[in-house]
Amino acid sequence: GEETTVAFIGGSITQGAGAAPINTECYAYKTFAGFCKLAGRGTEENISYIKAGVGGTPSELGMLRFDRDVLRGGIQQPDIVVVEFAVNDEGDETQGDCYESLVRKILKLPNNPAVILLFSVFADDYNLQERLIPVGKRYELPMVSVKNAVTPQFYDKENRILSKNQYFYDTFHPTNLGHSIMADCLLSYIKRIMMESMTNDYKPDFEGKPAIGA
């Protein structure tokens, strides 16, 4: 019932590419709508939504876009931030420094937002989660891997729930169904956390050695 802002920053998948209509069928909006049902007052009146997905942008640009597109010049203070760059950072010249720096930037905000690392996947099973998982471990952050959730069953013809053609709109982006599955992965984690007893003693360590670089 409290005032809460949920933000999503990433590339074209966060923007909603492959979803139609893009504004309501993207995983970000579906996650937001599901969160409203879990934690809202029955409507969206106390839950705010920020979608900061821009196609083709890696975390190098995410570092610059975060102030403009999420914080919006200091007007917004997100309570939950989902970071989705696991498929956009292949050309990251810093090899993960900017990704970790972005995570640290969010964690250092004065309102102490929660951060969820989301690892989306391409149709060729590619993502960079092996590079990025150490960042999540370093700061004890939740990590949601869509790759782990859907890819193994693509190759299990006897037990698979859906095919690649059903999940992917094209080589890179999910269909409406794929976006729904991404939202389900996030909401499944959030539901589990809401059922556990929470403590307020989380204090990320910024003094020790970074996982990749800062």
C-alpha atoms as a PDB file:
ATOM      1  CA  GLY A   1       0.000   0.000   0.000  1.00  0.00           C
ATOM      2  CA  GLU A   2       2.973   2.375   0.253  1.00  0.00           C
ATOM      3  CA  GLU A   3       4.062   4.741  -2.512  1.00  0.00           C
ATOM      4  CA  THR A   4       6.453   2.753  -4.702  1.00  0.00           C
ATOM      5  CA  THR A   5       8.270   3.379  -7.972  1.00  0.00           C
ATOM      6  CA  VAL A   6       9.386   0.457 -10.124  1.00  0.00           C
ATOM      7  CA  ALA A   7      11.954   1.221 -12.847  1.00  0.00           C
ATOM      8  CA  PHE A   8      13.401  -0.792 -15.704  1.00  0.00           C
ATOM      9  CA  ILE A   9      16.567   0.123 -17.608  1.00  0.00           C
ATOM     10  CA  GLY A  10      17.984  -1.806 -20.538  1.00  0.00           C
ATOM     11  CA  GLY A  11      18.018  -2.195 -24.299  1.00  0.00           C
ATOM     12  CA  SER A  12      15.392  -2.948 -26.916  1.00  0.00           C
ATOM     13  CA  ILE A  13      13.866  -5.857 -24.989  1.00  0.00           C
ATOM     14  CA  THR A  14      13.147  -3.501 -22.091  1.00  0.00           C
ATOM     15  CA  GLN A  15      11.846  -0.989 -24.614  1.00  0.00           C
ATOM     16  CA  GLY A  16       9.414  -3.725 -25.655  1.00  0.00           C
ATOM     17  CA  ALA A  17      10.672  -4.779 -29.081  1.00  0.00           C
ATOM     18  CA  GLY A  18       8.712  -7.763 -30.388  1.00  0.00           C
ATOM     19  CA  ALA A  19       5.660  -6.931 -28.268  1.00  0.00           C
ATOM     20  CA  ALA A  20       2.464  -5.586 -29.806  1.00  0.00           C
ATOM     21  CA  PRO A  21       1.277  -3.158 -28.611  1.00  0.00           C
ATOM     22  CA  ILE A  22       4.712  -2.296 -27.281  1.00  0.00           C
ATOM     23  CA  ASN A  23       3.493  -0.173 -24.355  1.00  0.00           C
ATOM     24  CA  THR A  24       1.307  -2.785 -22.646  1.00  0.00           C
ATOM     25  CA  GLU A  25       2.659  -6.141 -23.866  1.00  0.00           C
ATOM     26  CA  CYS A  26       6.316  -5.567 -22.966  1.00  0.00           C
ATOM     27  CA  TYR A  27       7.751  -7.484 -20.017  1.00  0.00           C
ATOM     28  CA  ALA A  28       8.383  -4.262 -18.098  1.00  0.00           C
ATOM     29  CA  TYR A  29       4.752  -3.166 -18.118  1.00  0.00           C
ATOM     30  CA  LYS A  30       3.529  -6.703 -17.410  1.00  0.00           C
ATOM     31  CA  THR A  31       5.863  -6.913 -14.429  1.00  0.00           C
ATOM     32  CA  PHE A  32       4.636  -3.536 -13.230  1.00  0.00           C
ATOM     33  CA  ALA A  33       0.988  -4.593 -13.619  1.00  0.00           C
ATOM     34  CA  GLY A  34       1.671  -7.809 -11.718  1.00  0.00           C
ATOM     35  CA  PHE A  35       3.450  -5.913  -8.974  1.00  0.00           C
ATOM     36  CA  CYS A  36       0.435  -3.603  -8.668  1.00  0.00           C
ATOM     37  CA  LYS A  37      -1.730  -6.649  -7.967  1.00  0.00           C
ATOM     38  CA  LEU A  38       0.750  -7.943  -5.392  1.00  0.00           C
ATOM     39  CA  ALA A  39       1.560  -4.728  -3.540  1.00  0.00           C
ATOM     40  CA  GLY A  40      -0.886  -2.083  -4.702  1.00  0.00           C
ATOM     41  CA  ARG A  41      -4.146  -0.874  -3.276  1.00  0.00           C
ATOM     42  CA  GLY A  42      -6.060  -2.670  -5.960  1.00  0.00           C
ATOM     43  CA  THR A  43      -5.230   0.048  -8.486  1.00  0.00           C
ATOM     44  CA  GLU A  44      -2.079   1.677  -9.794  1.00  0.00           C
ATOM     45  CA  GLU A  45      -2.599   4.823  -7.738  1.00  0.00           C
ATOM     46  CA  ASN A  46       0.296   4.148  -5.350  1.00  0.00           C
ATOM     47  CA  ILE A  47       2.650   2.338  -7.756  1.00  0.00           C
ATOM     48  CA  SER A  48       4.611   4.353 -10.320  1.00  0.00           C
ATOM     49  CA  TYR A  49       6.258   2.951 -13.454  1.00  0.00           C
ATOM     50  CA  ILE A  50       9.414   4.019 -15.287  1.00  0.00           C
ATOM     51  CA  LYS A  51      10.472   2.261 -18.487  1.00  0.00           C
ATOM     52  CA  ALA A  52      13.937   3.343 -19.648  1.00  0.00           C
ATOM     53  CA  GLY A  53      14.646   0.866 -22.417  1.00  0.00           C
ATOM     54  CA  VAL A  54      16.364   2.146 -25.553  1.00  0.00           C
ATOM     55  CA  GLY A  55      17.221  -0.194 -28.415  1.00  0.00           C
ATOM     56  CA  GLY A  56      20.869  -0.835 -29.163  1.00  0.00           C
ATOM     57  CA  THR A  57      22.193   0.760 -25.982  1.00  0.00           C
ATOM     58  CA  PRO A  58      24.701  -1.030 -23.726  1.00  0.00           C
ATOM     59  CA  SER A  59      25.463  -0.277 -20.096  1.00  0.00           C
ATOM     60  CA  GLU A  60      28.069   2.239 -21.291  1.00  0.00           C
ATOM     61  CA  LEU A  61      25.160   4.432 -22.367  1.00  0.00           C
ATOM     62  CA  GLY A  62      23.042   3.186 -19.475  1.00  0.00           C
ATOM     63  CA  MET A  63      25.453   4.941 -17.136  1.00  0.00           C
ATOM     64  CA  LEU A  64      24.646   8.221 -18.885  1.00  0.00           C
ATOM     65  CA  ARG A  65      20.949   7.551 -19.459  1.00  0.00           C
ATOM     66  CA  PHE A  66      20.177   6.581 -15.872  1.00  0.00           C
ATOM     67  CA  ASP A  67      20.142  10.160 -14.573  1.00  0.00           C
ATOM     68  CA  ARG A  68      18.039  11.380 -17.464  1.00  0.00           C
ATOM     69  CA  ASP A  69      15.703   8.451 -18.119  1.00  0.00           C
ATOM     70  CA  VAL A  70      15.225   6.956 -14.638  1.00  0.00           C
ATOM     71  CA  LEU A  71      15.968   9.686 -12.105  1.00  0.00           C
ATOM     72  CA  ARG A  72      14.724  12.314 -14.569  1.00  0.00           C
ATOM     73  CA  GLY A  73      16.890  15.038 -13.184  1.00  0.00           C
ATOM     74  CA  GLY A  74      16.265  14.044  -9.570  1.00  0.00           C
ATOM     75  CA  ILE A  75      12.474  14.129  -9.793  1.00  0.00           C
ATOM     76  CA  GLN A  76      12.125  10.356  -9.447  1.00  0.00           C
ATOM     77  CA  GLN A  77      13.392   8.072  -6.691  1.00  0.00           C
ATOM     78  CA  PRO A  78      12.931   4.445  -7.779  1.00  0.00           C
ATOM     79  CA  ASP A  79      12.380   1.851  -5.076  1.00  0.00           C
ATOM     80  CA  ILE A  80      13.023  -1.143  -7.329  1.00  0.00           C
ATOM     81  CA  VAL A  81      15.307  -1.056 -10.378  1.00  0.00           C
ATOM     82  CA  VAL A  82      15.515  -3.926 -12.871  1.00  0.00           C
ATOM     83  CA  VAL A  83      18.754  -3.821 -14.900  1.00  0.00           C
ATOM     84  CA  GLU A  84      18.681  -5.635 -18.265  1.00  0.00           C
ATOM     85  CA  PHE A  85      21.873  -5.444 -20.327  1.00  0.00           C
ATOM     86  CA  ALA A  86      22.859  -9.115 -20.581  1.00  0.00           C
ATOM     87  CA  VAL A  87      22.398  -9.213 -24.366  1.00  0.00           C
ATOM     88  CA  ASN A  88      23.357  -5.629 -25.222  1.00  0.00           C
ATOM     89  CA  ASP A  89      26.837  -5.527 -23.725  1.00  0.00           C
ATOM     90  CA  GLU A  90      28.669  -7.638 -26.309  1.00  0.00           C
ATOM     91  CA  GLY A  91      30.236  -4.470 -27.725  1.00  0.00           C
ATOM     92  CA  ASP A  92      30.926  -2.923 -24.319  1.00  0.00           C
ATOM     93  CA  GLU A  93      34.454  -1.591 -24.637  1.00  0.00           C
ATOM     94  CA  THR A  94      34.864  -1.650 -20.847  1.00  0.00           C
ATOM     95  CA  GLN A  95      34.145  -5.416 -20.677  1.00  0.00           C
ATOM     96  CA  GLY A  96      31.788  -5.035 -17.722  1.00  0.00           C
ATOM     97  CA  ASP A  97      33.248  -2.027 -15.893  1.00  0.00           C
ATOM     98  CA  CYS A  98      30.314   0.151 -16.912  1.00  0.00           C
ATOM     99  CA  TYR A  99      27.781  -2.536 -15.975  1.00  0.00           C
ATOM    100  CA  GLU A 100      29.184  -2.843 -12.467  1.00  0.00           C
ATOM    101  CA  SER A 101      29.520   0.949 -12.223  1.00  0.00           C
ATOM    102  CA  LEU A 102      25.848   1.337 -13.124  1.00  0.00           C
ATOM    103  CA  VAL A 103      24.851  -1.187 -10.457  1.00  0.00           C
ATOM    104  CA  ARG A 104      26.967   0.651  -7.876  1.00  0.00           C
ATOM    105  CA  LYS A 105      25.494   3.988  -8.969  1.00  0.00           C
ATOM    106  CA  ILE A 106      21.972   2.677  -8.308  1.00  0.00           C
ATOM    107  CA  LEU A 107      22.874   1.074  -4.991  1.00  0.00           C
ATOM    108  CA  LYS A 108      24.428   4.333  -3.800  1.00  0.00           C
ATOM    109  CA  LEU A 109      21.223   6.332  -4.236  1.00  0.00           C
ATOM    110  CA  PRO A 110      20.150   7.917  -0.936  1.00  0.00           C
ATOM    111  CA  ASN A 111      16.788   6.112  -0.881  1.00  0.00           C
ATOM    112  CA  ASN A 112      18.492   2.665  -1.029  1.00  0.00           C
ATOM    113  CA  PRO A 113      16.575   1.068  -3.914  1.00  0.00           C
ATOM    114  CA  ALA A 114      16.413  -2.672  -4.438  1.00  0.00           C
ATOM    115  CA  VAL A 115      18.221  -3.868  -7.563  1.00  0.00           C
ATOM    116  CA  ILE A 116      17.343  -6.948  -9.623  1.00  0.00           C
ATOM    117  CA  LEU A 117      19.697  -8.119 -12.374  1.00  0.00           C
ATOM    118  CA  LEU A 118      17.759  -9.571 -15.315  1.00  0.00           C
ATOM    119  CA  PHE A 119      19.518 -11.784 -17.860  1.00  0.00           C
ATOM    120  CA  SER A 120      17.521 -11.982 -21.085  1.00  0.00           C
ATOM    121  CA  VAL A 121      18.569 -14.219 -23.995  1.00  0.00           C
ATOM    122  CA  PHE A 122      18.811 -14.291 -27.806  1.00  0.00           C
ATOM    123  CA  ALA A 123      17.483 -17.058 -30.060  1.00  0.00           C
ATOM    124  CA  ASP A 124      20.998 -18.476 -30.448  1.00  0.00           C
ATOM    125  CA  ASP A 125      21.099 -18.970 -26.644  1.00  0.00           C
ATOM    126  CA  TYR A 126      23.538 -16.071 -26.272  1.00  0.00           C
ATOM    127  CA  ASN A 127      23.820 -13.772 -23.311  1.00  0.00           C
ATOM    128  CA  LEU A 128      26.547 -12.439 -21.044  1.00  0.00           C
ATOM    129  CA  GLN A 129      25.311 -13.765 -17.716  1.00  0.00           C
ATOM    130  CA  GLU A 130      28.571 -15.589 -16.985  1.00  0.00           C
ATOM    131  CA  ARG A 131      30.361 -12.224 -17.114  1.00  0.00           C
ATOM    132  CA  LEU A 132      27.701 -10.443 -15.074  1.00  0.00           C
ATOM    133  CA  ILE A 133      26.849 -13.020 -12.388  1.00  0.00           C
ATOM    134  CA  PRO A 134      29.985 -12.117 -10.371  1.00  0.00           C
ATOM    135  CA  VAL A 135      28.592  -8.575 -10.057  1.00  0.00           C
ATOM    136  CA  GLY A 136      25.383  -9.924  -8.557  1.00  0.00           C
ATOM    137  CA  LYS A 137      27.311 -12.144  -6.166  1.00  0.00           C
ATOM    138  CA  ARG A 138      29.664  -9.323  -5.210  1.00  0.00           C
ATOM    139  CA  TYR A 139      26.794  -7.122  -3.979  1.00  0.00           C
ATOM    140  CA  GLU A 140      24.476  -9.989  -2.934  1.00  0.00           C
ATOM    141  CA  LEU A 141      21.819  -9.019  -5.473  1.00  0.00           C
ATOM    142  CA  PRO A 142      18.958 -11.102  -6.834  1.00  0.00           C
ATOM    143  CA  MET A 143      19.545 -12.357 -10.368  1.00  0.00           C
ATOM    144  CA  VAL A 144      16.799 -13.619 -12.662  1.00  0.00           C
ATOM    145  CA  SER A 145      17.976 -15.620 -15.678  1.00  0.00           C
ATOM    146  CA  VAL A 146      15.475 -15.955 -18.493  1.00  0.00           C
ATOM    147  CA  LYS A 147      18.084 -18.035 -20.301  1.00  0.00           C
ATOM    148  CA  ASN A 148      18.098 -20.611 -17.505  1.00  0.00           C
ATOM    149  CA  ALA A 149      14.298 -20.585 -17.390  1.00  0.00           C
ATOM    150  CA  VAL A 150      13.518 -21.208 -21.059  1.00  0.00           C
ATOM    151  CA  THR A 151      16.561 -22.411 -23.027  1.00  0.00           C
ATOM    152  CA  PRO A 152      16.994 -25.983 -21.695  1.00  0.00           C
ATOM    153  CA  GLN A 153      13.385 -26.909 -22.444  1.00  0.00           C
ATOM    154  CA  PHE A 154      13.714 -25.746 -26.078  1.00  0.00           C
ATOM    155  CA  TYR A 155      15.776 -28.893 -26.684  1.00  0.00           C
ATOM    156  CA  ASP A 156      13.654 -31.310 -24.638  1.00  0.00           C
ATOM    157  CA  LYS A 157      11.132 -32.414 -27.267  1.00  0.00           C
ATOM    158  CA  GLU A 158       9.272 -34.702 -24.883  1.00  0.00           C
ATOM    159  CA  ASN A 159       8.769 -32.224 -22.050  1.00  0.00           C
ATOM    160  CA  ARG A 160       9.127 -28.766 -23.545  1.00  0.00           C
ATOM    161  CA  ILE A 161       6.391 -26.256 -22.880  1.00  0.00           C
ATOM    162  CA  LEU A 162       7.073 -23.957 -25.819  1.00  0.00           C
ATOM    163  CA  SER A 163       9.318 -23.766 -28.859  1.00  0.00           C
ATOM    164  CA  LYS A 164      11.777 -21.083 -29.885  1.00  0.00           C
ATOM    165  CA  ASN A 165       9.345 -19.952 -32.573  1.00  0.00           C
ATOM    166  CA  GLN A 166       6.721 -19.366 -29.894  1.00  0.00           C
ATOM    167  CA  TYR A 167       9.092 -17.507 -27.585  1.00  0.00           C
ATOM    168  CA  PHE A 168      10.998 -15.374 -30.111  1.00  0.00           C
ATOM    169  CA  TYR A 169       9.550 -12.744 -32.433  1.00  0.00           C
ATOM    170  CA  ASP A 170      12.869 -12.589 -34.289  1.00  0.00           C
ATOM    171  CA  THR A 171      16.501 -13.475 -33.599  1.00  0.00           C
ATOM    172  CA  PHE A 172      16.737 -11.030 -30.723  1.00  0.00           C
ATOM    173  CA  HIS A 173      13.354 -10.152 -29.254  1.00  0.00           C
ATOM    174  CA  PRO A 174      10.543 -12.064 -27.520  1.00  0.00           C
ATOM    175  CA  THR A 175       6.973 -12.376 -28.729  1.00  0.00           C
ATOM    176  CA  ASN A 176       4.078 -11.256 -26.553  1.00  0.00           C
ATOM    177  CA  LEU A 177       4.240 -14.707 -24.978  1.00  0.00           C
ATOM    178  CA  GLY A 178       7.990 -14.352 -24.476  1.00  0.00           C
ATOM    179  CA  HIS A 179       7.541 -11.001 -22.762  1.00  0.00           C
ATOM    180  CA  SER A 180       4.889 -12.598 -20.521  1.00  0.00           C
ATOM    181  CA  ILE A 181       7.335 -15.332 -19.538  1.00  0.00           C
ATOM    182  CA  MET A 182       9.991 -12.735 -18.705  1.00  0.00           C
ATOM    183  CA  ALA A 183       7.477 -10.947 -16.476  1.00  0.00           C
ATOM    184  CA  ASP A 184       6.500 -14.258 -14.866  1.00  0.00           C
ATOM    185  CA  CYS A 185      10.152 -14.938 -14.036  1.00  0.00           C
ATOM    186  CA  LEU A 186      10.487 -11.578 -12.271  1.00  0.00           C
ATOM    187  CA  LEU A 187       7.131 -11.821 -10.517  1.00  0.00           C
ATOM    188  CA  SER A 188       7.868 -15.360  -9.328  1.00  0.00           C
ATOM    189  CA  TYR A 189      10.959 -14.042  -7.561  1.00  0.00           C
ATOM    190  CA  ILE A 190       9.142 -11.005  -6.142  1.00  0.00           C
ATOM    191  CA  LYS A 191       6.299 -13.172  -4.813  1.00  0.00           C
ATOM    192  CA  ARG A 192       8.783 -15.461  -3.064  1.00  0.00           C
ATOM    193  CA  ILE A 193      10.583 -12.528  -1.470  1.00  0.00           C
ATOM    194  CA  MET A 194       7.324 -10.959  -0.262  1.00  0.00           C
ATOM    195  CA  MET A 195       6.521 -14.203   1.568  1.00  0.00           C
ATOM    196  CA  GLU A 196       9.819 -14.144   3.463  1.00  0.00           C
ATOM    197  CA  SER A 197      10.590 -12.094   6.538  1.00  0.00           C
ATOM    198  CA  MET A 198      12.637  -9.081   5.478  1.00  0.00           C
ATOM    199  CA  THR A 199      15.384  -7.300   7.356  1.00  0.00           C
ATOM    200  CA  ASN A 200      16.773  -3.823   6.771  1.00  0.00           C
ATOM    201  CA  ASP A 201      20.415  -4.624   7.478  1.00  0.00           C
ATOM    202  CA  TYR A 202      21.590  -4.880   3.859  1.00  0.00           C
ATOM    203  CA  LYS A 203      24.608  -2.630   3.371  1.00  0.00           C
ATOM    204  CA  PRO A 204      26.481  -3.119   0.121  1.00  0.00           C
ATOM    205  CA  ASP A 205      30.263  -3.049   0.460  1.00  0.00           C
ATOM    206  CA  PHE A 206      31.809  -0.439  -1.827  1.00  0.00           C
ATOM    207  CA  GLU A 207      35.238  -0.482  -0.186  1.00  0.00           C
ATOM    208  CA  GLY A 208      36.394  -3.915  -1.280  1.00  0.00           C
ATOM    209  CA  LYS A 209      37.631  -4.892  -4.713  1.00  0.00           C
ATOM    210  CA  PRO A 210      34.965  -4.690  -7.451  1.00  0.00           C
ATOM    211  CA  ALA A 211      33.933  -7.875  -9.227  1.00  0.00           C
ATOM    212  CA  ILE A 212      34.901  -6.477 -12.634  1.00  0.00           C
ATOM    213  CA  GLY A 213      35.706  -2.807 -12.239  1.00  0.00           C
ATOM    214  CA  ALA A 214      34.286   0.503 -11.123  1.00  0.00           C
END
